[in-house]
Amino acid sequence: MAPHFYAALGIAPRGAKFDNANPRSAVKTLEEKLSESDFKQFQRAEAAQQNGFENIGLFASAVLAANYARLPVRTINVASCFYLASR
């Protein structure tokens, strides 16, 4: 969610207000009002948020499987930290 808040609160106010109630139409409005470089930065932040949503299921499943397999907590923590740092 951090990339979305960065996009909506950090980039959007530079040229337009982000409408969280209807984000798809807000993107079209922002495209018209933001400069090209700001809009590309906004798109990258929104893409990072979508990528995080797409990967959270895999991450949660892996942590649950590791707990079910009774791996040492330290191993799970190190693997989780490595995954999060690589993201």
PDB file of N, CA and C in Angstrom:
ATOM      1  N   MET A   1       0.808  -1.193   0.000  1.00  0.00           N
ATOM      2  CA  MET A   1       0.000   0.000   0.000  1.00  0.00           C
ATOM      3  C   MET A   1       0.855   1.261   0.000  1.00  0.00           C
ATOM      4  N   ALA A   2       2.091   1.155   0.448  1.00  0.00           N
ATOM      5  CA  ALA A   2       2.955   2.336   0.509  1.00  0.00           C
ATOM      6  C   ALA A   2       3.140   2.988  -0.861  1.00  0.00           C
ATOM      7  N   PRO A   3       3.353   2.223  -1.957  1.00  0.00           N
ATOM      8  CA  PRO A   3       3.487   2.887  -3.256  1.00  0.00           C
ATOM      9  C   PRO A   3       2.224   3.636  -3.671  1.00  0.00           C
ATOM     10  N   HIS A   4       1.052   3.102  -3.301  1.00  0.00           N
ATOM     11  CA  HIS A   4      -0.192   3.791  -3.651  1.00  0.00           C
ATOM     12  C   HIS A   4      -0.315   5.115  -2.899  1.00  0.00           C
ATOM     13  N   PHE A   5       0.005   5.094  -1.603  1.00  0.00           N
ATOM     14  CA  PHE A   5      -0.057   6.339  -0.842  1.00  0.00           C
ATOM     15  C   PHE A   5       0.952   7.352  -1.366  1.00  0.00           C
ATOM     16  N   TYR A   6       2.122   6.867  -1.764  1.00  0.00           N
ATOM     17  CA  TYR A   6       3.115   7.759  -2.360  1.00  0.00           C
ATOM     18  C   TYR A   6       2.567   8.371  -3.646  1.00  0.00           C
ATOM     19  N   ALA A   7       1.920   7.548  -4.469  1.00  0.00           N
ATOM     20  CA  ALA A   7       1.377   8.049  -5.740  1.00  0.00           C
ATOM     21  C   ALA A   7       0.227   9.018  -5.508  1.00  0.00           C
ATOM     22  N   ALA A   8      -0.699   8.632  -4.638  1.00  0.00           N
ATOM     23  CA  ALA A   8      -1.896   9.451  -4.434  1.00  0.00           C
ATOM     24  C   ALA A   8      -1.627  10.719  -3.635  1.00  0.00           C
ATOM     25  N   LEU A   9      -0.739  10.634  -2.654  1.00  0.00           N
ATOM     26  CA  LEU A   9      -0.504  11.789  -1.791  1.00  0.00           C
ATOM     27  C   LEU A   9       0.757  12.561  -2.136  1.00  0.00           C
ATOM     28  N   GLY A  10       1.708  11.907  -2.796  1.00  0.00           N
ATOM     29  CA  GLY A  10       2.975  12.571  -3.101  1.00  0.00           C
ATOM     30  C   GLY A  10       3.066  13.127  -4.501  1.00  0.00           C
ATOM     31  N   ILE A  11       2.595  12.358  -5.478  1.00  0.00           N
ATOM     32  CA  ILE A  11       2.729  12.776  -6.870  1.00  0.00           C
ATOM     33  C   ILE A  11       1.489  13.502  -7.362  1.00  0.00           C
ATOM     34  N   ALA A  12       0.308  12.953  -7.078  1.00  0.00           N
ATOM     35  CA  ALA A  12      -0.935  13.521  -7.604  1.00  0.00           C
ATOM     36  C   ALA A  12      -1.158  14.980  -7.213  1.00  0.00           C
ATOM     37  N   PRO A  13      -0.895  15.398  -5.976  1.00  0.00           N
ATOM     38  CA  PRO A  13      -1.166  16.792  -5.626  1.00  0.00           C
ATOM     39  C   PRO A  13      -0.356  17.813  -6.426  1.00  0.00           C
ATOM     40  N   ARG A  14       0.680  17.356  -7.128  1.00  0.00           N
ATOM     41  CA  ARG A  14       1.470  18.295  -7.925  1.00  0.00           C
ATOM     42  C   ARG A  14       0.645  18.918  -9.041  1.00  0.00           C
ATOM     43  N   GLY A  15      -0.355  18.167  -9.528  1.00  0.00           N
ATOM     44  CA  GLY A  15      -1.119  18.725 -10.629  1.00  0.00           C
ATOM     45  C   GLY A  15      -2.604  18.494 -10.539  1.00  0.00           C
ATOM     46  N   ALA A  16      -3.041  17.518  -9.769  1.00  0.00           N
ATOM     47  CA  ALA A  16      -4.459  17.204  -9.705  1.00  0.00           C
ATOM     48  C   ALA A  16      -4.752  16.424  -8.436  1.00  0.00           C
ATOM     49  N   LYS A  17      -6.021  16.379  -8.085  1.00  0.00           N
ATOM     50  CA  LYS A  17      -6.434  15.625  -6.908  1.00  0.00           C
ATOM     51  C   LYS A  17      -6.753  14.190  -7.326  1.00  0.00           C
ATOM     52  N   PHE A  18      -6.248  13.233  -6.551  1.00  0.00           N
ATOM     53  CA  PHE A  18      -6.523  11.826  -6.813  1.00  0.00           C
ATOM     54  C   PHE A  18      -7.854  11.467  -6.173  1.00  0.00           C
ATOM     55  N   ASP A  19      -8.774  10.918  -6.967  1.00  0.00           N
ATOM     56  CA  ASP A  19     -10.091  10.521  -6.473  1.00  0.00           C
ATOM     57  C   ASP A  19     -10.044   9.049  -6.095  1.00  0.00           C
ATOM     58  N   ASN A  20      -9.931   8.756  -4.804  1.00  0.00           N
ATOM     59  CA  ASN A  20      -9.815   7.381  -4.340  1.00  0.00           C
ATOM     60  C   ASN A  20     -11.126   6.618  -4.478  1.00  0.00           C
ATOM     61  N   ALA A  21     -12.255   7.326  -4.597  1.00  0.00           N
ATOM     62  CA  ALA A  21     -13.548   6.666  -4.758  1.00  0.00           C
ATOM     63  C   ALA A  21     -13.686   6.066  -6.156  1.00  0.00           C
ATOM     64  N   ASN A  22     -13.029   6.670  -7.141  1.00  0.00           N
ATOM     65  CA  ASN A  22     -13.094   6.170  -8.515  1.00  0.00           C
ATOM     66  C   ASN A  22     -11.698   6.265  -9.125  1.00  0.00           C
ATOM     67  N   PRO A  23     -10.795   5.353  -8.733  1.00  0.00           N
ATOM     68  CA  PRO A  23      -9.394   5.499  -9.131  1.00  0.00           C
ATOM     69  C   PRO A  23      -9.136   5.369 -10.631  1.00  0.00           C
ATOM     70  N   ARG A  24      -9.933   4.575 -11.336  1.00  0.00           N
ATOM     71  CA  ARG A  24      -9.677   4.401 -12.774  1.00  0.00           C
ATOM     72  C   ARG A  24      -9.919   5.688 -13.561  1.00  0.00           C
ATOM     73  N   SER A  25     -10.984   6.409 -13.223  1.00  0.00           N
ATOM     74  CA  SER A  25     -11.218   7.672 -13.913  1.00  0.00           C
ATOM     75  C   SER A  25     -10.243   8.737 -13.425  1.00  0.00           C
ATOM     76  N   ALA A  26      -9.788   8.601 -12.182  1.00  0.00           N
ATOM     77  CA  ALA A  26      -8.815   9.555 -11.650  1.00  0.00           C
ATOM     78  C   ALA A  26      -7.502   9.469 -12.414  1.00  0.00           C
ATOM     79  N   VAL A  27      -7.140   8.266 -12.844  1.00  0.00           N
ATOM     80  CA  VAL A  27      -5.898   8.097 -13.600  1.00  0.00           C
ATOM     81  C   VAL A  27      -5.977   8.852 -14.921  1.00  0.00           C
ATOM     82  N   LYS A  28      -7.119   8.796 -15.590  1.00  0.00           N
ATOM     83  CA  LYS A  28      -7.287   9.541 -16.848  1.00  0.00           C
ATOM     84  C   LYS A  28      -7.170  11.046 -16.606  1.00  0.00           C
ATOM     85  N   THR A  29      -7.775  11.516 -15.523  1.00  0.00           N
ATOM     86  CA  THR A  29      -7.701  12.934 -15.181  1.00  0.00           C
ATOM     87  C   THR A  29      -6.264  13.339 -14.876  1.00  0.00           C
ATOM     88  N   LEU A  30      -5.562  12.486 -14.116  1.00  0.00           N
ATOM     89  CA  LEU A  30      -4.173  12.781 -13.778  1.00  0.00           C
ATOM     90  C   LEU A  30      -3.293  12.795 -15.013  1.00  0.00           C
ATOM     91  N   GLU A  31      -3.573  11.915 -15.957  1.00  0.00           N
ATOM     92  CA  GLU A  31      -2.772  11.868 -17.179  1.00  0.00           C
ATOM     93  C   GLU A  31      -2.845  13.195 -17.925  1.00  0.00           C
ATOM     94  N   GLU A  32      -4.002  13.825 -17.875  1.00  0.00           N
ATOM     95  CA  GLU A  32      -4.179  15.109 -18.553  1.00  0.00           C
ATOM     96  C   GLU A  32      -3.535  16.261 -17.781  1.00  0.00           C
ATOM     97  N   LYS A  33      -3.539  16.179 -16.455  1.00  0.00           N
ATOM     98  CA  LYS A  33      -3.100  17.310 -15.646  1.00  0.00           C
ATOM     99  C   LYS A  33      -1.639  17.260 -15.214  1.00  0.00           C
ATOM    100  N   LEU A  34      -1.064  16.061 -15.092  1.00  0.00           N
ATOM    101  CA  LEU A  34       0.325  15.945 -14.654  1.00  0.00           C
ATOM    102  C   LEU A  34       1.271  16.051 -15.836  1.00  0.00           C
ATOM    103  N   SER A  35       2.487  16.450 -15.554  1.00  0.00           N
ATOM    104  CA  SER A  35       3.499  16.429 -16.606  1.00  0.00           C
ATOM    105  C   SER A  35       3.804  14.977 -16.959  1.00  0.00           C
ATOM    106  N   GLU A  36       4.438  14.767 -18.093  1.00  0.00           N
ATOM    107  CA  GLU A  36       4.713  13.400 -18.549  1.00  0.00           C
ATOM    108  C   GLU A  36       5.597  12.643 -17.564  1.00  0.00           C
ATOM    109  N   SER A  37       6.626  13.304 -17.034  1.00  0.00           N
ATOM    110  CA  SER A  37       7.522  12.618 -16.100  1.00  0.00           C
ATOM    111  C   SER A  37       6.811  12.303 -14.783  1.00  0.00           C
ATOM    112  N   ASP A  38       5.968  13.219 -14.290  1.00  0.00           N
ATOM    113  CA  ASP A  38       5.222  12.948 -13.057  1.00  0.00           C
ATOM    114  C   ASP A  38       4.219  11.821 -13.268  1.00  0.00           C
ATOM    115  N   PHE A  39       3.569  11.798 -14.429  1.00  0.00           N
ATOM    116  CA  PHE A  39       2.595  10.739 -14.679  1.00  0.00           C
ATOM    117  C   PHE A  39       3.290   9.384 -14.799  1.00  0.00           C
ATOM    118  N   LYS A  40       4.456   9.332 -15.411  1.00  0.00           N
ATOM    119  CA  LYS A  40       5.188   8.060 -15.494  1.00  0.00           C
ATOM    120  C   LYS A  40       5.602   7.588 -14.105  1.00  0.00           C
ATOM    121  N   GLN A  41       6.005   8.529 -13.250  1.00  0.00           N
ATOM    122  CA  GLN A  41       6.361   8.186 -11.876  1.00  0.00           C
ATOM    123  C   GLN A  41       5.121   7.666 -11.140  1.00  0.00           C
ATOM    124  N   PHE A  42       3.986   8.281 -11.369  1.00  0.00           N
ATOM    125  CA  PHE A  42       2.728   7.830 -10.782  1.00  0.00           C
ATOM    126  C   PHE A  42       2.400   6.412 -11.248  1.00  0.00           C
ATOM    127  N   GLN A  43       2.550   6.147 -12.537  1.00  0.00           N
ATOM    128  CA  GLN A  43       2.276   4.807 -13.073  1.00  0.00           C
ATOM    129  C   GLN A  43       3.200   3.760 -12.465  1.00  0.00           C
ATOM    130  N   ARG A  44       4.479   4.083 -12.294  1.00  0.00           N
ATOM    131  CA  ARG A  44       5.422   3.137 -11.688  1.00  0.00           C
ATOM    132  C   ARG A  44       5.024   2.803 -10.254  1.00  0.00           C
ATOM    133  N   ALA A  45       4.593   3.806  -9.505  1.00  0.00           N
ATOM    134  CA  ALA A  45       4.179   3.569  -8.120  1.00  0.00           C
ATOM    135  C   ALA A  45       2.926   2.692  -8.070  1.00  0.00           C
ATOM    136  N   GLU A  46       1.972   2.949  -8.933  1.00  0.00           N
ATOM    137  CA  GLU A  46       0.759   2.132  -8.975  1.00  0.00           C
ATOM    138  C   GLU A  46       1.078   0.707  -9.431  1.00  0.00           C
ATOM    139  N   ALA A  47       2.004   0.548 -10.360  1.00  0.00           N
ATOM    140  CA  ALA A  47       2.412  -0.788 -10.808  1.00  0.00           C
ATOM    141  C   ALA A  47       3.109  -1.546  -9.675  1.00  0.00           C
ATOM    142  N   ALA A  48       3.884  -0.851  -8.859  1.00  0.00           N
ATOM    143  CA  ALA A  48       4.537  -1.489  -7.714  1.00  0.00           C
ATOM    144  C   ALA A  48       3.504  -1.987  -6.716  1.00  0.00           C
ATOM    145  N   GLN A  49       2.452  -1.219  -6.516  1.00  0.00           N
ATOM    146  CA  GLN A  49       1.383  -1.649  -5.613  1.00  0.00           C
ATOM    147  C   GLN A  49       0.696  -2.897  -6.166  1.00  0.00           C
ATOM    148  N   GLN A  50       0.370  -2.908  -7.442  1.00  0.00           N
ATOM    149  CA  GLN A  50      -0.271  -4.071  -8.055  1.00  0.00           C
ATOM    150  C   GLN A  50       0.623  -5.305  -7.961  1.00  0.00           C
ATOM    151  N   ASN A  51       1.910  -5.125  -8.175  1.00  0.00           N
ATOM    152  CA  ASN A  51       2.854  -6.231  -8.084  1.00  0.00           C
ATOM    153  C   ASN A  51       2.859  -6.806  -6.676  1.00  0.00           C
ATOM    154  N   GLY A  52       2.803  -5.951  -5.691  1.00  0.00           N
ATOM    155  CA  GLY A  52       2.751  -6.407  -4.303  1.00  0.00           C
ATOM    156  C   GLY A  52       1.493  -7.212  -4.014  1.00  0.00           C
ATOM    157  N   PHE A  53       0.363  -6.754  -4.536  1.00  0.00           N
ATOM    158  CA  PHE A  53      -0.883  -7.493  -4.344  1.00  0.00           C
ATOM    159  C   PHE A  53      -0.827  -8.861  -5.020  1.00  0.00           C
ATOM    160  N   GLU A  54      -0.196  -8.925  -6.177  1.00  0.00           N
ATOM    161  CA  GLU A  54      -0.114 -10.187  -6.911  1.00  0.00           C
ATOM    162  C   GLU A  54       0.801 -11.191  -6.217  1.00  0.00           C
ATOM    163  N   ASN A  55       1.779 -10.720  -5.462  1.00  0.00           N
ATOM    164  CA  ASN A  55       2.750 -11.610  -4.828  1.00  0.00           C
ATOM    165  C   ASN A  55       2.455 -11.928  -3.369  1.00  0.00           C
ATOM    166  N   ILE A  56       1.522 -11.240  -2.738  1.00  0.00           N
ATOM    167  CA  ILE A  56       1.276 -11.457  -1.313  1.00  0.00           C
ATOM    168  C   ILE A  56       0.769 -12.865  -1.036  1.00  0.00           C
ATOM    169  N   GLY A  57      -0.010 -13.435  -1.936  1.00  0.00           N
ATOM    170  CA  GLY A  57      -0.515 -14.796  -1.747  1.00  0.00           C
ATOM    171  C   GLY A  57       0.602 -15.822  -1.733  1.00  0.00           C
ATOM    172  N   LEU A  58       1.543 -15.676  -2.645  1.00  0.00           N
ATOM    173  CA  LEU A  58       2.691 -16.585  -2.702  1.00  0.00           C
ATOM    174  C   LEU A  58       3.530 -16.465  -1.431  1.00  0.00           C
ATOM    175  N   PHE A  59       3.776 -15.259  -0.999  1.00  0.00           N
ATOM    176  CA  PHE A  59       4.569 -15.031   0.206  1.00  0.00           C
ATOM    177  C   PHE A  59       3.886 -15.629   1.437  1.00  0.00           C
ATOM    178  N   ALA A  60       2.598 -15.340   1.594  1.00  0.00           N
ATOM    179  CA  ALA A  60       1.867 -15.859   2.754  1.00  0.00           C
ATOM    180  C   ALA A  60       1.820 -17.380   2.731  1.00  0.00           C
ATOM    181  N   SER A  61       1.614 -17.973   1.558  1.00  0.00           N
ATOM    182  CA  SER A  61       1.585 -19.434   1.435  1.00  0.00           C
ATOM    183  C   SER A  61       2.928 -20.046   1.805  1.00  0.00           C
ATOM    184  N   ALA A  62       3.991 -19.406   1.376  1.00  0.00           N
ATOM    185  CA  ALA A  62       5.329 -19.921   1.681  1.00  0.00           C
ATOM    186  C   ALA A  62       5.608 -19.868   3.186  1.00  0.00           C
ATOM    187  N   VAL A  63       5.203 -18.785   3.837  1.00  0.00           N
ATOM    188  CA  VAL A  63       5.413 -18.672   5.282  1.00  0.00           C
ATOM    189  C   VAL A  63       4.578 -19.713   6.027  1.00  0.00           C
ATOM    190  N   LEU A  64       3.337 -19.897   5.608  1.00  0.00           N
ATOM    191  CA  LEU A  64       2.493 -20.910   6.240  1.00  0.00           C
ATOM    192  C   LEU A  64       3.047 -22.316   6.032  1.00  0.00           C
ATOM    193  N   ALA A  65       3.517 -22.606   4.815  1.00  0.00           N
ATOM    194  CA  ALA A  65       4.098 -23.921   4.537  1.00  0.00           C
ATOM    195  C   ALA A  65       5.351 -24.147   5.377  1.00  0.00           C
ATOM    196  N   ALA A  66       6.153 -23.127   5.533  1.00  0.00           N
ATOM    197  CA  ALA A  66       7.362 -23.252   6.351  1.00  0.00           C
ATOM    198  C   ALA A  66       7.012 -23.507   7.809  1.00  0.00           C
ATOM    199  N   ASN A  67       5.986 -22.848   8.302  1.00  0.00           N
ATOM    200  CA  ASN A  67       5.536 -23.095   9.678  1.00  0.00           C
ATOM    201  C   ASN A  67       4.968 -24.500   9.827  1.00  0.00           C
ATOM    202  N   TYR A  68       4.205 -24.925   8.852  1.00  0.00           N
ATOM    203  CA  TYR A  68       3.620 -26.266   8.887  1.00  0.00           C
ATOM    204  C   TYR A  68       4.710 -27.344   8.851  1.00  0.00           C
ATOM    205  N   ALA A  69       5.790 -27.074   8.098  1.00  0.00           N
ATOM    206  CA  ALA A  69       6.914 -28.014   8.016  1.00  0.00           C
ATOM    207  C   ALA A  69       7.810 -27.936   9.249  1.00  0.00           C
ATOM    208  N   ARG A  70       7.469 -27.042  10.165  1.00  0.00           N
ATOM    209  CA  ARG A  70       8.208 -26.857  11.425  1.00  0.00           C
ATOM    210  C   ARG A  70       9.678 -26.485  11.201  1.00  0.00           C
ATOM    211  N   LEU A  71       9.900 -25.619  10.238  1.00  0.00           N
ATOM    212  CA  LEU A  71      11.247 -25.082  10.053  1.00  0.00           C
ATOM    213  C   LEU A  71      11.580 -24.189  11.239  1.00  0.00           C
ATOM    214  N   PRO A  72      12.849 -24.038  11.535  1.00  0.00           N
ATOM    215  CA  PRO A  72      13.223 -23.140  12.637  1.00  0.00           C
ATOM    216  C   PRO A  72      12.748 -21.706  12.359  1.00  0.00           C
ATOM    217  N   VAL A  73      12.310 -21.056  13.405  1.00  0.00           N
ATOM    218  CA  VAL A  73      11.778 -19.692  13.271  1.00  0.00           C
ATOM    219  C   VAL A  73      12.827 -18.762  12.666  1.00  0.00           C
ATOM    220  N   ARG A  74      14.066 -18.932  13.070  1.00  0.00           N
ATOM    221  CA  ARG A  74      15.130 -18.080  12.526  1.00  0.00           C
ATOM    222  C   ARG A  74      15.237 -18.239  11.011  1.00  0.00           C
ATOM    223  N   THR A  75      15.123 -19.453  10.506  1.00  0.00           N
ATOM    224  CA  THR A  75      15.192 -19.698   9.059  1.00  0.00           C
ATOM    225  C   THR A  75      14.041 -18.999   8.338  1.00  0.00           C
ATOM    226  N   ILE A  76      12.849 -19.104   8.904  1.00  0.00           N
ATOM    227  CA  ILE A  76      11.680 -18.454   8.304  1.00  0.00           C
ATOM    228  C   ILE A  76      11.855 -16.935   8.316  1.00  0.00           C
ATOM    229  N   ASN A  77      12.328 -16.393   9.424  1.00  0.00           N
ATOM    230  CA  ASN A  77      12.529 -14.947   9.531  1.00  0.00           C
ATOM    231  C   ASN A  77      13.578 -14.448   8.546  1.00  0.00           C
ATOM    232  N   VAL A  78      14.688 -15.180   8.436  1.00  0.00           N
ATOM    233  CA  VAL A  78      15.745 -14.760   7.504  1.00  0.00           C
ATOM    234  C   VAL A  78      15.236 -14.826   6.065  1.00  0.00           C
ATOM    235  N   ALA A  79      14.537 -15.915   5.725  1.00  0.00           N
ATOM    236  CA  ALA A  79      13.997 -16.041   4.367  1.00  0.00           C
ATOM    237  C   ALA A  79      12.971 -14.948   4.082  1.00  0.00           C
ATOM    238  N   SER A  80      12.121 -14.631   5.058  1.00  0.00           N
ATOM    239  CA  SER A  80      11.124 -13.576   4.887  1.00  0.00           C
ATOM    240  C   SER A  80      11.779 -12.209   4.708  1.00  0.00           C
ATOM    241  N   CYS A  81      12.784 -11.942   5.513  1.00  0.00           N
ATOM    242  CA  CYS A  81      13.504 -10.665   5.394  1.00  0.00           C
ATOM    243  C   CYS A  81      14.218 -10.554   4.052  1.00  0.00           C
ATOM    244  N   PHE A  82      14.807 -11.658   3.614  1.00  0.00           N
ATOM    245  CA  PHE A  82      15.473 -11.651   2.307  1.00  0.00           C
ATOM    246  C   PHE A  82      14.473 -11.377   1.187  1.00  0.00           C
ATOM    247  N   TYR A  83      13.320 -12.024   1.256  1.00  0.00           N
ATOM    248  CA  TYR A  83      12.278 -11.813   0.242  1.00  0.00           C
ATOM    249  C   TYR A  83      11.812 -10.356   0.231  1.00  0.00           C
ATOM    250  N   LEU A  84      11.516  -9.823   1.421  1.00  0.00           N
ATOM    251  CA  LEU A  84      11.052  -8.444   1.503  1.00  0.00           C
ATOM    252  C   LEU A  84      12.105  -7.447   1.053  1.00  0.00           C
ATOM    253  N   ALA A  85      13.357  -7.700   1.393  1.00  0.00           N
ATOM    254  CA  ALA A  85      14.443  -6.805   0.973  1.00  0.00           C
ATOM    255  C   ALA A  85      14.648  -6.849  -0.539  1.00  0.00           C
ATOM    256  N   SER A  86      14.436  -8.017  -1.121  1.00  0.00           N
ATOM    257  CA  SER A  86      14.626  -8.136  -2.577  1.00  0.00           C
ATOM    258  C   SER A  86      13.486  -7.478  -3.353  1.00  0.00           C
ATOM    259  N   ARG A  87      12.365  -7.265  -2.703  1.00  0.00           N
ATOM    260  CA  ARG A  87      11.221  -6.632  -3.347  1.00  0.00           C
ATOM    261  C   ARG A  87      11.479  -5.166  -3.471  1.00  0.00           C
TER     262      ARG A  87
END
